[in-house]
Amino acid sequence: MFCMHLTRLVSQPLRSQRRWMSVRPKEGDITQLKPKVTIQTLQSMRKSKEPITMLTAYDYPTALACSSNPSIDVTLVGDSLAQVCLGYRSTTQLTLDQMIHHASAVARGTTHPLLVADMPFGSYHASIDDAINNAIRMVRESQVEAVKLEGGQEIVNLVQKLTSIGIPVMAHVGLLPQRHISLSGYKVQGKNVASALALLRAAKALEEAGAFSMVVEAVPKELGRYITQNVNIPTIGIGAGPWTNGQVLVWDDAMGTWPGHKAKFVRRFANLQPVRDMGVQSFANAIKDGSFPDPQRESYSMEQAEWTRFLEEVGKE
């Protein structure tokens, strides 16, 4: 009986403390809006010509946003988080530990979308053994369901090895942001015959190596369509024209929160930056003019009798 009473006494303050927290984790499971998207789902969508949707996410709130809509099929933890979240000048500055940290947060907020994460620059280039160990860390520690690798013929052996041990690989051909320095900038790829042929051969080789899908970035729309027609895995375009099997955009580009350069292939589907800035200004104004917090609606009170006794006790000191 004493133990039960003690348990009630201990638990009551904890419950009260939870009520007073201004920010706390959402209680209960996130509603599952649709069946889990799998690799087989994407292949079925390709065959039925249902467009595949993919958005990037870098933290728990954006993961929740992607999962809140049953029409989003894939959530990508892109290495673009280096720029849009961490303020780096290039994706090459992102570390594996940083990617795992962010991907873990996204995993906690992801429900039905297939969860894919970029392997950062340098995490799969030194040796196949290093790349395998890093990919295993990505899957084990961040709970992503697949990894994405930028490259062509030079990563075929790695793709074969990863897929052979059960780590699904999404390929990435065309413009490779991790190599923007060697490419002399973020330029459209495959604009001449030799370059287009090299991209087509790379796409076919990566498919044969076991990649379950591939991102095709910044290539002429004709080449985007031709690659899509000549591989048997889903293609997801970003600046590759309207005829790939799906499309992807960076969250901050699509939602209008990124103040940097706007690529030709980007469309703003929302304009959240002015709303955000206006909210910050309204918050500051309310504090400056004394209207926040409101003494009745946004403040706590002590019972008058308790307050009176408090003042009496203070007076005794």
C-alpha atoms as a PDB file:
ATOM      1  CA  MET A   1       0.000   0.000   0.000  1.00  0.00           C
ATOM      2  CA  PHE A   2       2.844   2.368   0.914  1.00  0.00           C
ATOM      3  CA  CYS A   3       4.556   1.684  -2.444  1.00  0.00           C
ATOM      4  CA  MET A   4       1.349   2.380  -4.373  1.00  0.00           C
ATOM      5  CA  HIS A   5       0.875   5.653  -2.502  1.00  0.00           C
ATOM      6  CA  LEU A   6       4.476   6.656  -3.167  1.00  0.00           C
ATOM      7  CA  THR A   7       4.063   5.887  -6.857  1.00  0.00           C
ATOM      8  CA  ARG A   8       1.033   8.180  -7.067  1.00  0.00           C
ATOM      9  CA  LEU A   9       2.901  10.976  -5.287  1.00  0.00           C
ATOM     10  CA  VAL A  10       5.888  10.689  -7.614  1.00  0.00           C
ATOM     11  CA  SER A  11       3.860  10.444 -10.816  1.00  0.00           C
ATOM     12  CA  GLN A  12       1.629  13.440 -10.141  1.00  0.00           C
ATOM     13  CA  PRO A  13       4.372  16.126 -10.320  1.00  0.00           C
ATOM     14  CA  LEU A  14       5.719  14.517 -13.488  1.00  0.00           C
ATOM     15  CA  ARG A  15       2.343  14.767 -15.176  1.00  0.00           C
ATOM     16  CA  SER A  16       2.049  18.416 -14.149  1.00  0.00           C
ATOM     17  CA  GLN A  17       5.549  19.117 -15.412  1.00  0.00           C
ATOM     18  CA  ARG A  18       4.681  17.686 -18.836  1.00  0.00           C
ATOM     19  CA  ARG A  19       1.694  20.002 -19.088  1.00  0.00           C
ATOM     20  CA  TRP A  20       3.899  23.034 -18.448  1.00  0.00           C
ATOM     21  CA  MET A  21       6.487  22.290 -21.118  1.00  0.00           C
ATOM     22  CA  SER A  22       6.182  24.724 -24.033  1.00  0.00           C
ATOM     23  CA  VAL A  23       7.584  22.270 -26.588  1.00  0.00           C
ATOM     24  CA  ARG A  24       7.415  18.534 -26.197  1.00  0.00           C
ATOM     25  CA  PRO A  25       7.364  15.450 -28.435  1.00  0.00           C
ATOM     26  CA  LYS A  26       4.059  14.544 -29.985  1.00  0.00           C
ATOM     27  CA  GLU A  27       2.376  11.824 -27.955  1.00  0.00           C
ATOM     28  CA  GLY A  28       1.274   8.610 -29.594  1.00  0.00           C
ATOM     29  CA  ASP A  29       2.065   7.177 -32.985  1.00  0.00           C
ATOM     30  CA  ILE A  30       1.972   9.242 -36.143  1.00  0.00           C
ATOM     31  CA  THR A  31      -1.069   8.357 -38.208  1.00  0.00           C
ATOM     32  CA  GLN A  32      -0.222   6.036 -41.094  1.00  0.00           C
ATOM     33  CA  LEU A  33      -1.884   7.690 -44.083  1.00  0.00           C
ATOM     34  CA  LYS A  34      -1.199   4.949 -46.622  1.00  0.00           C
ATOM     35  CA  PRO A  35       0.623   1.643 -46.890  1.00  0.00           C
ATOM     36  CA  LYS A  36       4.385   1.780 -46.640  1.00  0.00           C
ATOM     37  CA  VAL A  37       6.077   2.619 -49.949  1.00  0.00           C
ATOM     38  CA  THR A  38       8.626  -0.019 -50.905  1.00  0.00           C
ATOM     39  CA  ILE A  39      11.021  -0.609 -53.769  1.00  0.00           C
ATOM     40  CA  GLN A  40       8.384  -2.887 -55.296  1.00  0.00           C
ATOM     41  CA  THR A  41       5.837  -0.059 -54.964  1.00  0.00           C
ATOM     42  CA  LEU A  42       8.056   2.247 -57.006  1.00  0.00           C
ATOM     43  CA  GLN A  43       8.567  -0.395 -59.664  1.00  0.00           C
ATOM     44  CA  SER A  44       4.806  -0.947 -59.870  1.00  0.00           C
ATOM     45  CA  MET A  45       4.279   2.804 -60.217  1.00  0.00           C
ATOM     46  CA  ARG A  46       6.796   2.915 -63.055  1.00  0.00           C
ATOM     47  CA  LYS A  47       5.019   0.115 -64.891  1.00  0.00           C
ATOM     48  CA  SER A  48       1.591   1.695 -64.427  1.00  0.00           C
ATOM     49  CA  LYS A  49       2.979   5.143 -65.369  1.00  0.00           C
ATOM     50  CA  GLU A  50       1.938   6.681 -62.049  1.00  0.00           C
ATOM     51  CA  PRO A  51       4.329   9.587 -61.345  1.00  0.00           C
ATOM     52  CA  ILE A  52       6.623   9.211 -58.328  1.00  0.00           C
ATOM     53  CA  THR A  53       6.956  12.136 -55.914  1.00  0.00           C
ATOM     54  CA  MET A  54      10.061  12.778 -53.830  1.00  0.00           C
ATOM     55  CA  LEU A  55      10.841  15.658 -51.456  1.00  0.00           C
ATOM     56  CA  THR A  56      13.878  16.281 -49.300  1.00  0.00           C
ATOM     57  CA  ALA A  57      13.705  16.537 -45.516  1.00  0.00           C
ATOM     58  CA  TYR A  58      16.424  17.333 -43.017  1.00  0.00           C
ATOM     59  CA  ASP A  59      14.765  17.193 -39.594  1.00  0.00           C
ATOM     60  CA  TYR A  60      11.781  15.832 -37.684  1.00  0.00           C
ATOM     61  CA  PRO A  61       9.312  18.634 -38.602  1.00  0.00           C
ATOM     62  CA  THR A  62       9.958  18.402 -42.351  1.00  0.00           C
ATOM     63  CA  ALA A  63       9.759  14.623 -42.140  1.00  0.00           C
ATOM     64  CA  LEU A  64       6.335  15.010 -40.540  1.00  0.00           C
ATOM     65  CA  ALA A  65       5.351  17.379 -43.341  1.00  0.00           C
ATOM     66  CA  CYS A  66       6.363  14.855 -46.010  1.00  0.00           C
ATOM     67  CA  SER A  67       4.565  12.071 -44.169  1.00  0.00           C
ATOM     68  CA  SER A  68       1.435  14.173 -43.685  1.00  0.00           C
ATOM     69  CA  ASN A  69       0.519  13.804 -47.343  1.00  0.00           C
ATOM     70  CA  PRO A  70      -0.233  10.363 -48.798  1.00  0.00           C
ATOM     71  CA  SER A  71       0.860  11.553 -52.233  1.00  0.00           C
ATOM     72  CA  ILE A  72       4.542  11.845 -51.227  1.00  0.00           C
ATOM     73  CA  ASP A  73       6.217   8.561 -52.107  1.00  0.00           C
ATOM     74  CA  VAL A  74       9.875   9.076 -51.172  1.00  0.00           C
ATOM     75  CA  THR A  75      11.564  11.243 -48.558  1.00  0.00           C
ATOM     76  CA  LEU A  76      15.197  12.005 -49.337  1.00  0.00           C
ATOM     77  CA  VAL A  77      17.649  13.220 -46.730  1.00  0.00           C
ATOM     78  CA  GLY A  78      19.707  15.063 -49.302  1.00  0.00           C
ATOM     79  CA  ASP A  79      23.238  16.256 -48.750  1.00  0.00           C
ATOM     80  CA  SER A  80      21.848  19.658 -49.714  1.00  0.00           C
ATOM     81  CA  LEU A  81      21.301  19.943 -45.956  1.00  0.00           C
ATOM     82  CA  ALA A  82      24.919  21.150 -45.931  1.00  0.00           C
ATOM     83  CA  GLN A  83      23.789  24.400 -47.532  1.00  0.00           C
ATOM     84  CA  VAL A  84      20.130  24.901 -46.644  1.00  0.00           C
ATOM     85  CA  CYS A  85      20.412  23.790 -42.998  1.00  0.00           C
ATOM     86  CA  LEU A  86      24.042  24.021 -41.909  1.00  0.00           C
ATOM     87  CA  GLY A  87      25.151  27.083 -43.865  1.00  0.00           C
ATOM     88  CA  TYR A  88      28.050  25.440 -45.695  1.00  0.00           C
ATOM     89  CA  ARG A  89      29.026  26.684 -49.129  1.00  0.00           C
ATOM     90  CA  SER A  90      29.118  23.193 -50.646  1.00  0.00           C
ATOM     91  CA  THR A  91      27.782  19.693 -50.096  1.00  0.00           C
ATOM     92  CA  THR A  92      31.412  18.504 -49.966  1.00  0.00           C
ATOM     93  CA  GLN A  93      31.736  19.950 -46.450  1.00  0.00           C
ATOM     94  CA  LEU A  94      29.078  17.659 -44.970  1.00  0.00           C
ATOM     95  CA  THR A  95      30.377  14.840 -42.755  1.00  0.00           C
ATOM     96  CA  LEU A  96      29.030  11.343 -42.313  1.00  0.00           C
ATOM     97  CA  ASP A  97      28.263  11.987 -38.634  1.00  0.00           C
ATOM     98  CA  GLN A  98      26.245  15.084 -39.536  1.00  0.00           C
ATOM     99  CA  MET A  99      24.276  13.149 -42.135  1.00  0.00           C
ATOM    100  CA  ILE A 100      23.524  10.347 -39.670  1.00  0.00           C
ATOM    101  CA  HIS A 101      22.413  12.890 -37.058  1.00  0.00           C
ATOM    102  CA  HIS A 102      19.934  14.551 -39.430  1.00  0.00           C
ATOM    103  CA  ALA A 103      18.768  11.331 -41.089  1.00  0.00           C
ATOM    104  CA  SER A 104      17.967   9.888 -37.654  1.00  0.00           C
ATOM    105  CA  ALA A 105      15.681  12.838 -36.946  1.00  0.00           C
ATOM    106  CA  VAL A 106      13.968  12.404 -40.302  1.00  0.00           C
ATOM    107  CA  ALA A 107      13.504   8.688 -39.671  1.00  0.00           C
ATOM    108  CA  ARG A 108      11.673   9.441 -36.422  1.00  0.00           C
ATOM    109  CA  GLY A 109       9.132  11.525 -38.329  1.00  0.00           C
ATOM    110  CA  THR A 110       8.715   9.318 -41.407  1.00  0.00           C
ATOM    111  CA  THR A 111       5.781   6.980 -41.875  1.00  0.00           C
ATOM    112  CA  HIS A 112       4.737   5.769 -45.329  1.00  0.00           C
ATOM    113  CA  PRO A 113       7.393   7.320 -47.653  1.00  0.00           C
ATOM    114  CA  LEU A 114      10.407   5.249 -48.584  1.00  0.00           C
ATOM    115  CA  LEU A 115      13.322   6.831 -46.709  1.00  0.00           C
ATOM    116  CA  VAL A 116      16.543   7.395 -48.669  1.00  0.00           C
ATOM    117  CA  ALA A 117      19.669   9.318 -47.644  1.00  0.00           C
ATOM    118  CA  ASP A 118      22.665  10.621 -49.548  1.00  0.00           C
ATOM    119  CA  MET A 119      26.041   9.212 -48.650  1.00  0.00           C
ATOM    120  CA  PRO A 120      28.184  12.328 -48.133  1.00  0.00           C
ATOM    121  CA  PHE A 121      31.214  13.237 -50.193  1.00  0.00           C
ATOM    122  CA  GLY A 122      34.229  11.199 -49.123  1.00  0.00           C
ATOM    123  CA  SER A 123      32.216   8.494 -47.367  1.00  0.00           C
ATOM    124  CA  TYR A 124      32.326   6.084 -50.324  1.00  0.00           C
ATOM    125  CA  HIS A 125      35.382   7.099 -52.330  1.00  0.00           C
ATOM    126  CA  ALA A 126      38.444   5.820 -50.432  1.00  0.00           C
ATOM    127  CA  SER A 127      37.784   2.080 -50.736  1.00  0.00           C
ATOM    128  CA  ILE A 128      34.942  -0.367 -51.128  1.00  0.00           C
ATOM    129  CA  ASP A 129      35.463  -1.627 -47.575  1.00  0.00           C
ATOM    130  CA  ASP A 130      35.222   1.901 -46.150  1.00  0.00           C
ATOM    131  CA  ALA A 131      32.144   2.597 -48.245  1.00  0.00           C
ATOM    132  CA  ILE A 132      30.441  -0.590 -47.058  1.00  0.00           C
ATOM    133  CA  ASN A 133      31.173   0.199 -43.416  1.00  0.00           C
ATOM    134  CA  ASN A 134      29.847   3.746 -43.840  1.00  0.00           C
ATOM    135  CA  ALA A 135      26.716   2.545 -45.612  1.00  0.00           C
ATOM    136  CA  ILE A 136      26.095   0.052 -42.809  1.00  0.00           C
ATOM    137  CA  ARG A 137      26.410   2.898 -40.302  1.00  0.00           C
ATOM    138  CA  MET A 138      23.855   4.903 -42.283  1.00  0.00           C
ATOM    139  CA  VAL A 139      21.340   2.072 -42.234  1.00  0.00           C
ATOM    140  CA  ARG A 140      21.966   0.931 -38.667  1.00  0.00           C
ATOM    141  CA  GLU A 141      22.329   4.276 -36.882  1.00  0.00           C
ATOM    142  CA  SER A 142      19.928   6.486 -38.828  1.00  0.00           C
ATOM    143  CA  GLN A 143      17.406   3.810 -39.840  1.00  0.00           C
ATOM    144  CA  VAL A 144      17.258   4.880 -43.482  1.00  0.00           C
ATOM    145  CA  GLU A 145      15.977   2.287 -45.923  1.00  0.00           C
ATOM    146  CA  ALA A 146      18.310   3.020 -48.839  1.00  0.00           C
ATOM    147  CA  VAL A 147      21.362   5.097 -49.690  1.00  0.00           C
ATOM    148  CA  LYS A 148      21.935   7.329 -52.698  1.00  0.00           C
ATOM    149  CA  LEU A 149      25.282   7.529 -54.472  1.00  0.00           C
ATOM    150  CA  GLU A 150      26.427  10.064 -57.064  1.00  0.00           C
ATOM    151  CA  GLY A 151      28.498   8.670 -59.911  1.00  0.00           C
ATOM    152  CA  GLY A 152      28.702   6.576 -63.038  1.00  0.00           C
ATOM    153  CA  GLN A 153      30.865   3.677 -64.193  1.00  0.00           C
ATOM    154  CA  GLU A 154      33.379   4.291 -61.405  1.00  0.00           C
ATOM    155  CA  ILE A 155      30.906   3.269 -58.667  1.00  0.00           C
ATOM    156  CA  VAL A 156      29.426   0.218 -60.408  1.00  0.00           C
ATOM    157  CA  ASN A 157      31.481  -2.256 -58.346  1.00  0.00           C
ATOM    158  CA  LEU A 158      30.429  -0.524 -55.133  1.00  0.00           C
ATOM    159  CA  VAL A 159      26.754  -0.613 -56.103  1.00  0.00           C
ATOM    160  CA  GLN A 160      27.078  -4.329 -56.828  1.00  0.00           C
ATOM    161  CA  LYS A 161      28.673  -4.966 -53.453  1.00  0.00           C
ATOM    162  CA  LEU A 162      26.168  -2.919 -51.450  1.00  0.00           C
ATOM    163  CA  THR A 163      23.148  -4.476 -53.115  1.00  0.00           C
ATOM    164  CA  SER A 164      24.623  -7.958 -52.684  1.00  0.00           C
ATOM    165  CA  ILE A 165      24.642  -7.497 -48.899  1.00  0.00           C
ATOM    166  CA  GLY A 166      21.117  -6.103 -48.831  1.00  0.00           C
ATOM    167  CA  ILE A 167      21.643  -2.332 -48.835  1.00  0.00           C
ATOM    168  CA  PRO A 168      19.385  -0.809 -51.520  1.00  0.00           C
ATOM    169  CA  VAL A 169      21.073   1.825 -53.679  1.00  0.00           C
ATOM    170  CA  MET A 170      19.502   4.751 -55.504  1.00  0.00           C
ATOM    171  CA  ALA A 171      21.878   5.921 -58.234  1.00  0.00           C
ATOM    172  CA  HIS A 172      22.411   9.557 -59.256  1.00  0.00           C
ATOM    173  CA  VAL A 173      23.602  10.512 -62.736  1.00  0.00           C
ATOM    174  CA  GLY A 174      23.876  13.731 -64.717  1.00  0.00           C
ATOM    175  CA  LEU A 175      24.920  16.767 -62.727  1.00  0.00           C
ATOM    176  CA  LEU A 176      26.733  15.555 -59.615  1.00  0.00           C
ATOM    177  CA  PRO A 177      26.720  18.358 -57.020  1.00  0.00           C
ATOM    178  CA  GLN A 178      29.474  16.676 -54.990  1.00  0.00           C
ATOM    179  CA  ARG A 179      31.758  17.183 -58.012  1.00  0.00           C
ATOM    180  CA  HIS A 180      30.799  20.764 -58.859  1.00  0.00           C
ATOM    181  CA  ILE A 181      34.393  21.947 -58.566  1.00  0.00           C
ATOM    182  CA  SER A 182      35.734  19.437 -61.100  1.00  0.00           C
ATOM    183  CA  LEU A 183      32.760  20.227 -63.326  1.00  0.00           C
ATOM    184  CA  SER A 184      33.535  23.976 -63.107  1.00  0.00           C
ATOM    185  CA  GLY A 185      30.190  24.701 -61.525  1.00  0.00           C
ATOM    186  CA  TYR A 186      26.620  23.454 -61.546  1.00  0.00           C
ATOM    187  CA  LYS A 187      26.210  22.950 -65.291  1.00  0.00           C
ATOM    188  CA  VAL A 188      23.791  20.976 -67.433  1.00  0.00           C
ATOM    189  CA  GLN A 189      25.291  17.624 -68.431  1.00  0.00           C
ATOM    190  CA  GLY A 190      24.829  15.505 -71.559  1.00  0.00           C
ATOM    191  CA  LYS A 191      24.514  18.406 -73.991  1.00  0.00           C
ATOM    192  CA  ASN A 192      26.705  16.832 -76.665  1.00  0.00           C
ATOM    193  CA  VAL A 193      26.803  13.354 -78.196  1.00  0.00           C
ATOM    194  CA  ALA A 194      29.810  12.062 -76.279  1.00  0.00           C
ATOM    195  CA  SER A 195      28.518  13.265 -72.918  1.00  0.00           C
ATOM    196  CA  ALA A 196      24.997  11.968 -73.580  1.00  0.00           C
ATOM    197  CA  LEU A 197      26.311   8.535 -74.578  1.00  0.00           C
ATOM    198  CA  ALA A 198      28.444   8.377 -71.424  1.00  0.00           C
ATOM    199  CA  LEU A 199      25.423   9.168 -69.253  1.00  0.00           C
ATOM    200  CA  LEU A 200      23.283   6.547 -70.988  1.00  0.00           C
ATOM    201  CA  ARG A 201      25.982   3.903 -70.557  1.00  0.00           C
ATOM    202  CA  ALA A 202      26.416   4.825 -66.907  1.00  0.00           C
ATOM    203  CA  ALA A 203      22.681   4.594 -66.289  1.00  0.00           C
ATOM    204  CA  LYS A 204      22.503   1.137 -67.846  1.00  0.00           C
ATOM    205  CA  ALA A 205      25.573  -0.055 -65.938  1.00  0.00           C
ATOM    206  CA  LEU A 206      24.174   1.152 -62.619  1.00  0.00           C
ATOM    207  CA  GLU A 207      20.875  -0.591 -63.313  1.00  0.00           C
ATOM    208  CA  GLU A 208      22.722  -3.804 -64.102  1.00  0.00           C
ATOM    209  CA  ALA A 209      24.756  -3.406 -60.908  1.00  0.00           C
ATOM    210  CA  GLY A 210      21.552  -3.505 -58.901  1.00  0.00           C
ATOM    211  CA  ALA A 211      20.440   0.082 -58.329  1.00  0.00           C
ATOM    212  CA  PHE A 212      16.677   0.072 -57.688  1.00  0.00           C
ATOM    213  CA  SER A 213      16.127   3.583 -59.070  1.00  0.00           C
ATOM    214  CA  MET A 214      18.103   6.625 -60.136  1.00  0.00           C
ATOM    215  CA  VAL A 215      17.989  10.383 -59.884  1.00  0.00           C
ATOM    216  CA  VAL A 216      18.691  12.101 -63.209  1.00  0.00           C
ATOM    217  CA  GLU A 217      19.801  15.688 -62.628  1.00  0.00           C
ATOM    218  CA  ALA A 218      20.208  18.641 -64.995  1.00  0.00           C
ATOM    219  CA  VAL A 219      20.245  16.963 -68.403  1.00  0.00           C
ATOM    220  CA  PRO A 220      18.400  17.908 -71.615  1.00  0.00           C
ATOM    221  CA  LYS A 221      14.787  16.802 -71.494  1.00  0.00           C
ATOM    222  CA  GLU A 222      15.273  14.613 -74.562  1.00  0.00           C
ATOM    223  CA  LEU A 223      18.051  12.699 -72.822  1.00  0.00           C
ATOM    224  CA  GLY A 224      16.005  12.420 -69.626  1.00  0.00           C
ATOM    225  CA  ARG A 225      13.230  10.773 -71.626  1.00  0.00           C
ATOM    226  CA  TYR A 226      15.615   8.476 -73.531  1.00  0.00           C
ATOM    227  CA  ILE A 227      17.315   7.224 -70.362  1.00  0.00           C
ATOM    228  CA  THR A 228      13.897   6.617 -68.794  1.00  0.00           C
ATOM    229  CA  GLN A 229      12.772   4.623 -71.831  1.00  0.00           C
ATOM    230  CA  ASN A 230      15.939   2.525 -71.881  1.00  0.00           C
ATOM    231  CA  VAL A 231      16.284   1.407 -68.275  1.00  0.00           C
ATOM    232  CA  ASN A 232      13.959  -0.849 -66.331  1.00  0.00           C
ATOM    233  CA  ILE A 233      14.117   0.955 -63.010  1.00  0.00           C
ATOM    234  CA  PRO A 234      12.324   4.164 -61.974  1.00  0.00           C
ATOM    235  CA  THR A 235      13.991   7.445 -62.902  1.00  0.00           C
ATOM    236  CA  ILE A 236      13.395  10.513 -60.748  1.00  0.00           C
ATOM    237  CA  GLY A 237      14.210  13.761 -62.468  1.00  0.00           C
ATOM    238  CA  ILE A 238      15.412  17.103 -61.197  1.00  0.00           C
ATOM    239  CA  GLY A 239      15.911  19.384 -64.141  1.00  0.00           C
ATOM    240  CA  ALA A 240      15.638  16.423 -66.514  1.00  0.00           C
ATOM    241  CA  GLY A 241      12.337  17.270 -68.173  1.00  0.00           C
ATOM    242  CA  PRO A 242       8.771  16.040 -67.663  1.00  0.00           C
ATOM    243  CA  TRP A 243       9.180  12.487 -68.960  1.00  0.00           C
ATOM    244  CA  THR A 244      11.071  10.802 -66.132  1.00  0.00           C
ATOM    245  CA  ASN A 245       9.099   8.451 -63.878  1.00  0.00           C
ATOM    246  CA  GLY A 246       9.068  10.961 -61.052  1.00  0.00           C
ATOM    247  CA  GLN A 247      10.313  14.322 -59.841  1.00  0.00           C
ATOM    248  CA  VAL A 248      12.225  15.570 -56.807  1.00  0.00           C
ATOM    249  CA  LEU A 249      12.918  19.030 -55.423  1.00  0.00           C
ATOM    250  CA  VAL A 250      14.788  20.354 -52.426  1.00  0.00           C
ATOM    251  CA  TRP A 251      12.300  21.250 -49.670  1.00  0.00           C
ATOM    252  CA  ASP A 252      13.606  24.802 -49.267  1.00  0.00           C
ATOM    253  CA  ASP A 253      13.405  25.455 -53.007  1.00  0.00           C
ATOM    254  CA  ALA A 254       9.873  24.107 -53.307  1.00  0.00           C
ATOM    255  CA  MET A 255       8.596  25.875 -50.187  1.00  0.00           C
ATOM    256  CA  GLY A 256      10.282  29.206 -50.865  1.00  0.00           C
ATOM    257  CA  THR A 257      12.497  29.388 -47.783  1.00  0.00           C
ATOM    258  CA  TRP A 258      15.872  29.321 -49.572  1.00  0.00           C
ATOM    259  CA  PRO A 259      17.214  32.819 -50.334  1.00  0.00           C
ATOM    260  CA  GLY A 260      20.022  31.589 -52.569  1.00  0.00           C
ATOM    261  CA  HIS A 261      20.216  31.034 -56.314  1.00  0.00           C
ATOM    262  CA  LYS A 262      17.047  29.660 -57.928  1.00  0.00           C
ATOM    263  CA  ALA A 263      17.863  27.071 -60.586  1.00  0.00           C
ATOM    264  CA  LYS A 264      15.857  27.049 -63.817  1.00  0.00           C
ATOM    265  CA  PHE A 265      14.195  23.740 -62.913  1.00  0.00           C
ATOM    266  CA  VAL A 266      12.935  24.983 -59.534  1.00  0.00           C
ATOM    267  CA  ARG A 267       9.317  25.980 -59.056  1.00  0.00           C
ATOM    268  CA  ARG A 268       8.142  27.645 -55.852  1.00  0.00           C
ATOM    269  CA  PHE A 269       5.062  25.771 -54.656  1.00  0.00           C
ATOM    270  CA  ALA A 270       4.821  27.973 -51.565  1.00  0.00           C
ATOM    271  CA  ASN A 271       6.351  31.265 -50.471  1.00  0.00           C
ATOM    272  CA  LEU A 272       7.011  30.752 -46.779  1.00  0.00           C
ATOM    273  CA  GLN A 273       9.894  33.150 -46.269  1.00  0.00           C
ATOM    274  CA  PRO A 274       7.755  36.336 -46.072  1.00  0.00           C
ATOM    275  CA  VAL A 275       5.346  34.567 -43.686  1.00  0.00           C
ATOM    276  CA  ARG A 276       8.261  33.477 -41.507  1.00  0.00           C
ATOM    277  CA  ASP A 277       9.833  36.928 -41.473  1.00  0.00           C
ATOM    278  CA  MET A 278       6.489  38.572 -40.676  1.00  0.00           C
ATOM    279  CA  GLY A 279       6.001  36.169 -37.774  1.00  0.00           C
ATOM    280  CA  VAL A 280       9.426  37.036 -36.353  1.00  0.00           C
ATOM    281  CA  GLN A 281       8.653  40.743 -36.637  1.00  0.00           C
ATOM    282  CA  SER A 282       5.233  40.339 -34.992  1.00  0.00           C
ATOM    283  CA  PHE A 283       6.811  38.402 -32.125  1.00  0.00           C
ATOM    284  CA  ALA A 284       9.396  41.114 -31.542  1.00  0.00           C
ATOM    285  CA  ASN A 285       6.791  43.893 -31.792  1.00  0.00           C
ATOM    286  CA  ALA A 286       4.521  42.218 -29.244  1.00  0.00           C
ATOM    287  CA  ILE A 287       7.342  42.032 -26.713  1.00  0.00           C
ATOM    288  CA  LYS A 288       8.464  45.598 -27.355  1.00  0.00           C
ATOM    289  CA  ASP A 289       4.958  47.057 -26.963  1.00  0.00           C
ATOM    290  CA  GLY A 290       4.148  44.952 -23.902  1.00  0.00           C
ATOM    291  CA  SER A 291       1.236  43.033 -25.419  1.00  0.00           C
ATOM    292  CA  PHE A 292       2.971  39.655 -25.012  1.00  0.00           C
ATOM    293  CA  PRO A 293       2.508  37.783 -22.804  1.00  0.00           C
ATOM    294  CA  ASP A 294      -1.083  38.656 -21.924  1.00  0.00           C
ATOM    295  CA  PRO A 295      -1.488  38.564 -18.114  1.00  0.00           C
ATOM    296  CA  GLN A 296      -4.760  36.603 -18.377  1.00  0.00           C
ATOM    297  CA  ARG A 297      -4.477  34.331 -21.419  1.00  0.00           C
ATOM    298  CA  GLU A 298      -0.744  33.621 -21.500  1.00  0.00           C
ATOM    299  CA  SER A 299       0.306  33.709 -17.843  1.00  0.00           C
ATOM    300  CA  TYR A 300      -0.120  31.498 -14.778  1.00  0.00           C
ATOM    301  CA  SER A 301      -1.596  32.562 -11.418  1.00  0.00           C
ATOM    302  CA  MET A 302      -1.192  31.555  -7.783  1.00  0.00           C
ATOM    303  CA  GLU A 303      -4.197  31.197  -5.499  1.00  0.00           C
ATOM    304  CA  GLN A 304      -4.692  34.468  -3.632  1.00  0.00           C
ATOM    305  CA  ALA A 305      -4.465  32.782  -0.245  1.00  0.00           C
ATOM    306  CA  GLU A 306      -1.146  31.171  -1.191  1.00  0.00           C
ATOM    307  CA  TRP A 307       0.203  34.463  -2.470  1.00  0.00           C
ATOM    308  CA  THR A 308      -0.815  36.185   0.774  1.00  0.00           C
ATOM    309  CA  ARG A 309       0.957  33.526   2.853  1.00  0.00           C
ATOM    310  CA  PHE A 310       4.010  33.846   0.593  1.00  0.00           C
ATOM    311  CA  LEU A 311       4.178  37.586   1.272  1.00  0.00           C
ATOM    312  CA  GLU A 312       3.794  36.940   4.997  1.00  0.00           C
ATOM    313  CA  GLU A 313       6.683  34.474   4.938  1.00  0.00           C
ATOM    314  CA  VAL A 314       8.845  36.893   2.978  1.00  0.00           C
ATOM    315  CA  GLY A 315       8.055  39.575   5.547  1.00  0.00           C
ATOM    316  CA  LYS A 316       9.435  37.354   8.315  1.00  0.00           C
ATOM    317  CA  GLU A 317      12.853  37.082   6.701  1.00  0.00           C
END
